[in-house]
Amino acid sequence: MSNRLLTAFCALLACAHPAPSGPEQAQAPVSAAPVKEEASAGAGAEAAAPAGQQARAEATALRIMAEVAAARSLPIIGEVSIRVMDRGAIRDFARAAMYEHNTPARLRLIGRIEASLGVLPRGSDAEKVLLDLLEEAVMGIYDPKSGSLMIGSHVTDGMLSMVVGHEIAHGLQDMSFGLLKYQTPMDGQSDAETARTFLIEGDAQAAYLAWVSGPGGLAAIGDEVLAAMGDQTLDLAGVMPQPILTRMLQMPYTDGAATVVKIAREQGWAAVDALYRDLPTTSEQMLHPEKLLAREPARSVRVDAGPLLARLPGYQVVWEDDLGEASLLAMLAEVEKSKVARRGAAGWGGDRYVVLERAGDDALGRLPITVGLTVWDSAGDAAEFEASFGRYMAKQTGPRGVIERRGDRVIFATQAPDEATRRTIAGAAWSAFAVDEAGSGSPTKERG
């Protein structure tokens, strides 16, 4: 669910975790790297950026654009403009982007669902949580609407090459593939949105890594380095104020980049380019390159809330969506070390959940009930997930939960208000979900 809060922004955000600065490079000819100077940095806070910062950002972009383009094997067929923005301006930009596809009521509901799932604390203001996180973490933004590269005024000279290198890669992506169309929300398909974000951000970070590695390029980056980057993101995010959201924000730059690096090393950048024409459909594919190359699909999980609503009078469905392996991994890492969390989330086959609520619950401070089913590649995979997710629920959602496994399937529910409701959900949930058998397209239902 946390990807619902983040995917609208991830295509705009620079990597926020520490990364090496780029090497000193020879200045690229102006004609080879068109960087458009801003006549004015804008009004208000943006205009207050010191002239020296603006000049350094423009010079850095001019210096490295051609080199990043060569490292990524993408042509320079357009221009990018450069702006330096302070944290307040970044927050304002993010807030405006947030409400392009959301209303305050919708965002409030999303925040309450996040709390139901244990991703946010009860009573959290979703807008404030997200904007605080982005304001603190963001170092640069590429805006495909304006073709602008925006750099935070808090970025140090030592970090400038890293931020510009990543964001210039977004500009190159935009020139060749057009990023704006990839920012359209995919309602009810959050995992597909997450996969798309992993591709775009992972590709930009891989391009930066190819450039910063010098003549050795991606061949100089060992698999053990890529794995350590990913595991560090899972383990260290636990010290952040919103650890699960922080993991989801950072994983595209580590796990997504690792997958893109491996594809580019084995099959060349043209294979990465092809992914923009045939997008990955699950975050599982972007976590496991072999599944991406095989185009392993998710098993379709369908939900008919009728059996639940018939036995829970007064409730109605207010949301339906999926989670995906990446979201589950970010959640499991809250209670498991990275390697154990990865084992618990691996073998994901598909999932679906519904959110149920009664009129007036919000005003009374009650969280909605979330009921979902996950299906796994094997009963053993399901058992591993059940154990880890049970620990997650105990820590994050409290005693008001249900988790039960039958073979390769696990149902879960959160925020059921009493024991009678939990028993009702446990009985009805198995009848509410149907899973297409792998490769058959034929749904099967468990009988409650």
Protein backbone atom coordinates (compact mmCIF):
# COMPACT_ATOMS: atom_id res chain seq x y z
CA MET A 1 0.00 0.00 0.00
CA SER A 2 2.87 2.38 0.74
CA ASN A 3 3.61 2.50 -2.97
CA ARG A 4 0.24 4.29 -3.38
CA LEU A 5 1.68 7.25 -1.48
CA LEU A 6 5.02 7.22 -3.27
CA THR A 7 4.68 6.19 -6.87
CA ALA A 8 3.23 9.54 -7.99
CA PHE A 9 6.49 11.15 -6.89
CA CYS A 10 9.24 8.60 -7.35
CA ALA A 11 9.77 9.42 -11.02
CA LEU A 12 10.59 12.97 -9.90
CA LEU A 13 12.85 12.31 -6.93
CA ALA A 14 16.61 12.00 -6.76
CA CYS A 15 18.29 9.35 -4.74
CA ALA A 16 18.55 10.45 -1.13
CA HIS A 17 21.03 7.93 0.27
CA PRO A 18 24.80 8.58 0.22
CA ALA A 19 26.59 7.78 -3.04
CA PRO A 20 30.07 8.57 -4.35
CA SER A 21 30.65 11.79 -6.19
CA GLY A 22 31.52 11.57 -9.84
CA PRO A 23 35.13 11.68 -10.98
CA GLU A 24 36.63 14.80 -12.36
CA GLN A 25 35.95 14.83 -16.07
CA ALA A 26 37.05 16.98 -18.97
CA GLN A 27 34.60 19.73 -19.84
CA ALA A 28 32.16 18.70 -22.55
CA PRO A 29 31.70 21.01 -25.51
CA VAL A 30 28.67 23.25 -25.17
CA SER A 31 27.23 21.99 -28.46
CA ALA A 32 27.36 18.38 -27.24
CA ALA A 33 25.41 18.96 -24.05
CA PRO A 34 22.58 21.48 -24.37
CA VAL A 35 21.81 22.84 -20.92
CA LYS A 36 19.39 25.73 -20.97
CA GLU A 37 20.14 28.51 -18.51
CA GLU A 38 17.21 29.86 -16.51
CA ALA A 39 16.78 33.58 -16.95
CA SER A 40 15.11 33.61 -13.53
CA ALA A 41 15.09 30.95 -10.90
CA GLY A 42 11.44 31.71 -10.24
CA ALA A 43 9.50 33.56 -7.59
CA GLY A 44 9.76 33.44 -3.83
CA ALA A 45 12.06 30.87 -2.31
CA GLU A 46 13.44 29.71 -5.63
CA ALA A 47 14.61 33.19 -6.53
CA ALA A 48 16.61 33.37 -3.30
CA ALA A 49 19.11 30.70 -4.41
CA PRO A 50 22.59 32.25 -4.48
CA ALA A 51 23.90 32.99 -7.96
CA GLY A 52 26.99 30.93 -7.25
CA GLN A 53 24.94 27.80 -6.57
CA GLN A 54 22.97 28.28 -9.76
CA ALA A 55 26.14 28.74 -11.77
CA ARG A 56 27.80 25.66 -10.25
CA ALA A 57 24.74 23.49 -10.94
CA GLU A 58 24.63 24.65 -14.57
CA ALA A 59 28.36 24.11 -15.02
CA THR A 60 28.17 20.62 -13.53
CA ALA A 61 25.28 19.65 -15.80
CA LEU A 62 27.09 21.06 -18.81
CA ARG A 63 30.26 19.18 -17.91
CA ILE A 64 28.80 15.73 -17.40
CA MET A 65 25.71 15.48 -19.60
CA ALA A 66 27.53 14.20 -22.67
CA GLU A 67 29.50 11.73 -20.56
CA VAL A 68 26.40 10.32 -18.84
CA ALA A 69 24.71 10.08 -22.24
CA ALA A 70 27.66 8.10 -23.59
CA ALA A 71 27.76 5.83 -20.53
CA ARG A 72 24.02 5.15 -20.89
CA SER A 73 24.08 4.92 -24.72
CA LEU A 74 21.30 7.47 -25.14
CA PRO A 75 21.39 10.41 -27.57
CA ILE A 76 21.10 14.05 -26.55
CA ILE A 77 18.15 15.25 -28.60
CA GLY A 78 16.79 18.04 -26.43
CA GLU A 79 17.55 20.52 -23.69
CA VAL A 80 17.19 20.62 -19.93
CA SER A 81 16.99 23.75 -17.83
CA ILE A 82 18.59 24.00 -14.39
CA ARG A 83 17.10 25.55 -11.27
CA VAL A 84 18.37 25.61 -7.69
CA MET A 85 15.54 25.38 -5.12
CA ASP A 86 15.48 25.51 -1.35
CA ARG A 87 13.64 22.92 0.76
CA GLY A 88 10.51 25.04 0.99
CA ALA A 89 10.25 25.30 -2.79
CA ILE A 90 10.79 21.56 -3.12
CA ARG A 91 7.97 20.98 -0.63
CA ASP A 92 5.67 23.33 -2.56
CA PHE A 93 6.47 21.54 -5.82
CA ALA A 94 5.80 18.13 -4.27
CA ARG A 95 2.52 19.28 -2.75
CA ALA A 96 1.29 20.60 -6.10
CA ALA A 97 2.24 17.30 -7.75
CA MET A 98 0.47 15.38 -4.98
CA TYR A 99 -2.88 16.95 -5.76
CA GLU A 100 -2.72 16.56 -9.51
CA HIS A 101 -4.19 13.09 -9.06
CA ASN A 102 -5.50 13.17 -5.49
CA THR A 103 -8.04 15.05 -3.40
CA PRO A 104 -7.59 15.77 0.32
CA ALA A 105 -10.30 13.20 1.10
CA ARG A 106 -8.64 10.53 -1.02
CA LEU A 107 -5.24 11.20 0.53
CA ARG A 108 -6.75 11.01 4.01
CA LEU A 109 -8.28 7.63 3.17
CA ILE A 110 -4.93 6.38 1.83
CA GLY A 111 -3.28 7.44 5.07
CA ARG A 112 -5.88 5.59 7.12
CA ILE A 113 -5.36 2.45 5.01
CA GLU A 114 -1.62 2.76 5.56
CA ALA A 115 -2.29 2.91 9.28
CA SER A 116 -4.59 -0.12 9.02
CA LEU A 117 -1.70 -2.04 7.45
CA GLY A 118 0.81 -0.83 10.03
CA VAL A 119 2.79 1.29 7.59
CA LEU A 120 1.95 4.57 9.36
CA PRO A 121 1.09 5.21 13.01
CA ARG A 122 -2.59 5.60 13.83
CA GLY A 123 -3.74 9.21 13.42
CA SER A 124 -0.98 10.17 10.97
CA ASP A 125 -1.54 13.09 8.62
CA ALA A 126 -0.63 11.43 5.31
CA GLU A 127 0.08 14.71 3.53
CA LYS A 128 2.41 15.95 6.25
CA VAL A 129 4.17 12.59 6.60
CA LEU A 130 4.86 12.38 2.89
CA LEU A 131 5.89 16.00 2.43
CA ASP A 132 8.17 15.88 5.48
CA LEU A 133 9.81 12.74 4.11
CA LEU A 134 10.27 14.18 0.63
CA GLU A 135 11.48 17.55 1.85
CA GLU A 136 14.11 15.87 3.97
CA ALA A 137 15.16 13.22 1.46
CA VAL A 138 14.97 14.90 -1.92
CA MET A 139 18.15 16.34 -3.38
CA GLY A 140 17.00 16.85 -6.94
CA ILE A 141 13.95 16.60 -9.16
CA TYR A 142 13.57 16.17 -12.89
CA ASP A 143 10.22 17.53 -14.05
CA PRO A 144 9.22 16.08 -17.44
CA LYS A 145 6.47 18.67 -17.86
CA SER A 146 8.96 21.52 -18.11
CA GLY A 147 12.12 19.61 -18.95
CA SER A 148 13.67 21.13 -15.84
CA LEU A 149 16.31 19.72 -13.53
CA MET A 150 15.80 21.15 -10.05
CA ILE A 151 18.62 20.87 -7.51
CA GLY A 152 18.21 21.42 -3.77
CA SER A 153 20.15 24.36 -2.42
CA HIS A 154 21.20 22.10 0.48
CA VAL A 155 23.17 19.81 -1.84
CA THR A 156 26.87 20.15 -1.07
CA ASP A 157 29.51 20.57 -3.73
CA GLY A 158 30.71 17.05 -2.94
CA MET A 159 27.27 15.59 -3.70
CA LEU A 160 26.45 17.77 -6.69
CA SER A 161 27.89 15.47 -9.35
CA MET A 162 25.96 12.49 -7.97
CA VAL A 163 22.65 14.37 -7.90
CA VAL A 164 23.13 15.94 -11.31
CA GLY A 165 24.34 12.66 -12.81
CA HIS A 166 21.20 10.85 -11.70
CA GLU A 167 18.81 13.63 -12.74
CA ILE A 168 20.53 14.24 -16.07
CA ALA A 169 19.89 10.55 -16.76
CA HIS A 170 16.17 11.26 -16.24
CA GLY A 171 16.45 14.06 -18.76
CA LEU A 172 18.01 11.65 -21.26
CA GLN A 173 15.27 9.10 -20.56
CA ASP A 174 12.69 11.79 -21.19
CA MET A 175 14.23 12.73 -24.52
CA SER A 176 14.16 9.14 -25.77
CA PHE A 177 11.13 7.60 -24.07
CA GLY A 178 8.93 10.46 -22.80
CA LEU A 179 8.56 10.17 -19.03
CA LEU A 180 5.33 12.11 -18.63
CA LYS A 181 3.15 9.21 -19.76
CA TYR A 182 4.67 7.02 -17.08
CA GLN A 183 3.36 9.30 -14.33
CA THR A 184 -0.28 8.48 -15.02
CA PRO A 185 -1.68 6.65 -11.98
CA MET A 186 -2.69 3.00 -12.39
CA ASP A 187 -5.64 2.75 -10.03
CA GLY A 188 -5.93 -0.64 -8.39
CA GLN A 189 -2.54 -1.71 -9.78
CA SER A 190 -0.09 -0.31 -7.28
CA ASP A 191 2.42 -3.10 -7.84
CA ALA A 192 2.60 -2.34 -11.56
CA GLU A 193 3.22 1.32 -10.64
CA THR A 194 5.99 0.21 -8.30
CA ALA A 195 7.56 -1.87 -11.07
CA ARG A 196 7.48 1.14 -13.38
CA THR A 197 9.17 3.29 -10.73
CA PHE A 198 11.84 0.65 -10.15
CA LEU A 199 12.62 0.72 -13.88
CA ILE A 200 12.81 4.51 -14.25
CA GLU A 201 14.74 5.19 -11.07
CA GLY A 202 16.84 2.06 -11.34
CA ASP A 203 17.80 2.98 -14.89
CA ALA A 204 18.80 6.53 -13.89
CA GLN A 205 20.88 5.23 -11.00
CA ALA A 206 22.49 2.57 -13.19
CA ALA A 207 23.39 5.27 -15.73
CA TYR A 208 25.03 7.28 -12.97
CA LEU A 209 26.93 4.19 -11.78
CA ALA A 210 28.08 3.42 -15.33
CA TRP A 211 29.43 6.97 -15.62
CA VAL A 212 31.02 7.21 -12.18
CA SER A 213 32.75 3.82 -12.63
CA GLY A 214 34.89 5.26 -15.40
CA PRO A 215 36.37 3.12 -18.22
CA GLY A 216 35.33 -0.11 -16.50
CA GLY A 217 31.68 0.87 -16.61
CA LEU A 218 29.10 -1.52 -15.21
CA ALA A 219 31.52 -4.44 -15.48
CA ALA A 220 33.44 -2.89 -12.59
CA ILE A 221 30.46 -3.24 -10.24
CA GLY A 222 30.28 -6.69 -8.65
CA ASP A 223 27.04 -8.43 -7.74
CA GLU A 224 28.12 -8.43 -4.10
CA VAL A 225 28.25 -4.62 -4.15
CA LEU A 226 24.76 -4.42 -5.61
CA ALA A 227 23.43 -6.88 -3.03
CA ALA A 228 25.03 -4.95 -0.17
CA MET A 229 23.42 -1.71 -1.37
CA GLY A 230 20.00 -3.31 -1.36
CA ASP A 231 20.38 -4.96 2.01
CA GLN A 232 21.69 -1.76 3.57
CA THR A 233 18.55 0.05 2.42
CA LEU A 234 16.35 -2.57 4.07
CA ASP A 235 18.32 -2.70 7.32
CA LEU A 236 19.22 0.95 7.87
CA ALA A 237 15.81 2.37 7.02
CA GLY A 238 14.69 1.11 10.41
CA VAL A 239 16.36 4.10 12.08
CA MET A 240 14.27 6.59 10.07
CA PRO A 241 11.02 8.18 11.37
CA GLN A 242 8.91 6.42 8.68
CA PRO A 243 11.00 3.31 7.97
CA ILE A 244 8.61 1.42 5.69
CA LEU A 245 7.95 4.46 3.49
CA THR A 246 11.68 5.22 3.51
CA ARG A 247 12.44 1.71 2.25
CA MET A 248 9.88 2.05 -0.52
CA LEU A 249 11.35 5.42 -1.48
CA GLN A 250 14.92 4.13 -1.63
CA MET A 251 14.51 0.57 -2.97
CA PRO A 252 14.14 1.67 -6.64
CA TYR A 253 17.63 3.21 -6.41
CA THR A 254 19.20 0.05 -4.98
CA ASP A 255 17.22 -3.05 -5.97
CA GLY A 256 15.88 -1.41 -9.13
CA ALA A 257 19.36 -0.26 -10.10
CA ALA A 258 20.79 -3.73 -9.42
CA THR A 259 18.33 -5.31 -11.83
CA VAL A 260 18.99 -2.72 -14.54
CA VAL A 261 22.76 -3.09 -14.10
CA LYS A 262 22.52 -6.87 -14.52
CA ILE A 263 20.31 -6.60 -17.63
CA ALA A 264 22.61 -3.99 -19.20
CA ARG A 265 25.75 -6.00 -18.42
CA GLU A 266 24.34 -9.21 -19.88
CA GLN A 267 22.33 -7.91 -22.84
CA GLY A 268 23.38 -4.31 -23.37
CA TRP A 269 21.55 -1.03 -22.90
CA ALA A 270 19.25 -1.80 -25.84
CA ALA A 271 17.60 -4.45 -23.66
CA VAL A 272 16.92 -1.79 -21.04
CA ASP A 273 15.52 0.54 -23.71
CA ALA A 274 13.13 -2.24 -24.74
CA LEU A 275 11.65 -2.31 -21.24
CA TYR A 276 10.11 1.10 -21.86
CA ARG A 277 8.17 -0.39 -24.78
CA ASP A 278 7.14 -3.47 -22.78
CA LEU A 279 7.06 -2.38 -19.15
CA PRO A 280 7.66 -4.75 -16.27
CA THR A 281 4.32 -5.68 -14.74
CA THR A 282 5.29 -6.63 -11.18
CA SER A 283 7.84 -5.52 -8.63
CA GLU A 284 8.81 -9.19 -8.40
CA GLN A 285 10.21 -8.88 -11.92
CA MET A 286 12.24 -5.83 -10.90
CA LEU A 287 13.60 -7.62 -7.83
CA HIS A 288 14.60 -10.77 -9.73
CA PRO A 289 16.21 -10.21 -13.17
CA GLU A 290 15.60 -13.82 -14.21
CA LYS A 291 11.86 -13.33 -13.67
CA LEU A 292 11.96 -10.12 -15.68
CA LEU A 293 13.76 -11.80 -18.58
CA ALA A 294 11.27 -14.68 -18.44
CA ARG A 295 8.37 -12.21 -18.12
CA GLU A 296 6.97 -14.32 -15.32
CA PRO A 297 3.43 -12.99 -14.78
CA ALA A 298 1.58 -12.62 -11.53
CA ARG A 299 -1.19 -15.05 -10.83
CA SER A 300 -4.47 -13.18 -11.03
CA VAL A 301 -6.23 -12.84 -7.70
CA ARG A 302 -9.81 -11.65 -7.91
CA VAL A 303 -11.99 -10.49 -5.09
CA ASP A 304 -15.75 -10.57 -4.64
CA ALA A 305 -16.46 -8.85 -1.35
CA GLY A 306 -20.00 -10.22 -1.25
CA PRO A 307 -19.24 -13.05 1.21
CA LEU A 308 -17.57 -10.55 3.56
CA LEU A 309 -20.24 -7.87 3.30
CA ALA A 310 -23.02 -10.42 3.81
CA ARG A 311 -21.53 -11.34 7.17
CA LEU A 312 -20.37 -7.87 8.19
CA PRO A 313 -23.51 -5.69 8.11
CA GLY A 314 -22.91 -1.97 7.81
CA TYR A 315 -19.54 -2.29 6.10
CA GLN A 316 -18.82 -1.21 2.56
CA VAL A 317 -15.82 -1.51 0.25
CA VAL A 318 -13.85 1.76 0.10
CA TRP A 319 -10.67 0.54 -1.65
CA GLU A 320 -9.30 -2.38 -3.66
CA ASP A 321 -5.69 -2.82 -4.74
CA ASP A 322 -2.62 -5.03 -4.65
CA LEU A 323 0.63 -4.93 -2.66
CA GLY A 324 3.31 -6.85 -4.57
CA GLU A 325 6.62 -8.31 -3.48
CA ALA A 326 8.42 -4.98 -3.00
CA SER A 327 5.81 -3.58 -0.60
CA LEU A 328 5.69 -6.83 1.35
CA LEU A 329 9.49 -6.86 1.51
CA ALA A 330 9.55 -3.31 2.90
CA MET A 331 7.04 -4.38 5.54
CA LEU A 332 8.80 -7.62 6.50
CA ALA A 333 12.10 -5.76 6.91
CA GLU A 334 10.48 -4.03 9.87
CA VAL A 335 10.72 -7.28 11.86
CA GLU A 336 13.38 -9.31 10.02
CA LYS A 337 16.96 -8.77 8.92
CA SER A 338 17.26 -8.11 5.20
CA LYS A 339 18.14 -11.62 4.11
CA VAL A 340 15.34 -13.19 6.15
CA ALA A 341 12.89 -10.57 4.88
CA ARG A 342 13.92 -11.31 1.30
CA ARG A 343 13.30 -15.03 1.81
CA GLY A 344 9.91 -14.26 3.32
CA ALA A 345 8.84 -12.13 0.36
CA ALA A 346 10.42 -14.31 -2.35
CA GLY A 347 8.16 -16.76 -4.11
CA TRP A 348 5.34 -14.20 -4.26
CA GLY A 349 2.83 -15.19 -6.90
CA GLY A 350 0.12 -12.55 -6.62
CA ASP A 351 -2.17 -10.77 -4.18
CA ARG A 352 -5.26 -8.64 -3.78
CA TYR A 353 -6.88 -6.85 -0.88
CA VAL A 354 -10.04 -4.91 -0.07
CA VAL A 355 -10.64 -2.25 2.54
CA LEU A 356 -13.92 -2.24 4.45
CA GLU A 357 -15.37 0.52 6.56
CA ARG A 358 -18.60 1.66 8.20
CA ALA A 359 -20.07 5.14 7.88
CA GLY A 360 -18.75 7.32 10.67
CA ASP A 361 -15.66 5.21 11.43
CA ASP A 362 -13.30 8.01 10.45
CA ALA A 363 -15.00 10.56 12.69
CA LEU A 364 -14.82 8.09 15.59
CA GLY A 365 -11.11 7.49 15.06
CA ARG A 366 -11.57 3.90 13.90
CA LEU A 367 -9.30 2.45 11.25
CA PRO A 368 -10.76 0.52 8.32
CA ILE A 369 -10.48 -3.26 8.07
CA THR A 370 -8.08 -4.53 5.41
CA VAL A 371 -8.61 -8.07 4.13
CA GLY A 372 -6.27 -9.67 1.59
CA LEU A 373 -5.09 -12.89 0.04
CA THR A 374 -1.58 -13.68 -1.17
CA VAL A 375 -0.66 -16.66 -3.34
CA TRP A 376 2.84 -18.15 -3.47
CA ASP A 377 4.93 -20.32 -5.76
CA SER A 378 4.84 -23.16 -3.23
CA ALA A 379 3.37 -24.09 0.12
CA GLY A 380 6.87 -23.69 1.59
CA ASP A 381 7.09 -20.10 0.32
CA ALA A 382 3.66 -19.42 1.79
CA ALA A 383 4.71 -20.85 5.15
CA GLU A 384 7.81 -18.62 5.26
CA PHE A 385 5.71 -15.57 4.49
CA GLU A 386 3.04 -16.53 7.03
CA ALA A 387 5.64 -16.73 9.80
CA SER A 388 7.31 -13.41 8.99
CA PHE A 389 4.10 -11.52 8.23
CA GLY A 390 2.57 -12.83 11.43
CA ARG A 391 5.46 -11.23 13.33
CA TYR A 392 4.97 -8.04 11.35
CA MET A 393 1.28 -7.90 12.20
CA ALA A 394 1.94 -8.55 15.88
CA LYS A 395 4.35 -5.60 15.99
CA GLN A 396 2.69 -3.15 13.61
CA THR A 397 -1.06 -3.76 13.66
CA GLY A 398 -1.59 -5.28 17.10
CA PRO A 399 -3.92 -8.06 18.20
CA ARG A 400 -6.81 -7.16 15.90
CA GLY A 401 -5.60 -9.34 13.06
CA VAL A 402 -6.17 -12.58 11.22
CA ILE A 403 -3.56 -14.63 9.37
CA GLU A 404 -4.18 -18.13 8.09
CA ARG A 405 -2.58 -20.37 5.48
CA ARG A 406 -4.02 -23.10 3.30
CA GLY A 407 -1.41 -24.66 1.04
CA ASP A 408 0.16 -21.97 -1.15
CA ARG A 409 -2.26 -19.24 -0.06
CA VAL A 410 -2.36 -16.93 2.94
CA ILE A 411 -5.23 -14.70 4.00
CA PHE A 412 -4.74 -11.78 6.34
CA ALA A 413 -6.91 -9.12 7.92
CA THR A 414 -6.09 -6.13 10.08
CA GLN A 415 -8.07 -3.92 12.46
CA ALA A 416 -10.97 -6.31 13.05
CA PRO A 417 -12.52 -4.71 16.17
CA ASP A 418 -13.38 -7.86 18.16
CA GLU A 419 -12.97 -11.62 18.29
CA ALA A 420 -16.37 -12.29 16.70
CA THR A 421 -15.47 -10.10 13.70
CA ARG A 422 -12.11 -11.85 13.36
CA ARG A 423 -13.80 -15.26 13.30
CA THR A 424 -16.30 -14.00 10.72
CA ILE A 425 -13.54 -12.66 8.47
CA ALA A 426 -11.49 -15.85 8.78
CA GLY A 427 -14.48 -17.84 7.59
CA ALA A 428 -15.65 -15.54 4.82
CA ALA A 429 -12.33 -14.40 3.35
CA TRP A 430 -11.52 -17.74 1.73
CA SER A 431 -14.76 -17.51 -0.25
CA ALA A 432 -14.19 -13.89 -1.24
CA PHE A 433 -10.99 -14.47 -3.23
CA ALA A 434 -10.39 -16.53 -6.36
CA VAL A 435 -6.96 -17.34 -7.80
CA ASP A 436 -6.29 -18.15 -11.42
CA GLU A 437 -4.27 -21.32 -11.66
CA ALA A 438 -0.80 -20.59 -13.04
CA GLY A 439 -1.04 -20.38 -16.81
CA SER A 440 -4.65 -21.59 -16.96
CA GLY A 441 -6.72 -18.45 -16.48
CA SER A 442 -9.19 -20.58 -14.55
CA PRO A 443 -10.10 -19.28 -11.09
CA THR A 444 -10.22 -21.56 -8.05
CA LYS A 445 -11.83 -20.67 -4.75
CA GLU A 446 -11.30 -21.97 -1.30
CA ARG A 447 -14.52 -22.73 0.50
CA GLY A 448 -14.96 -21.17 3.91
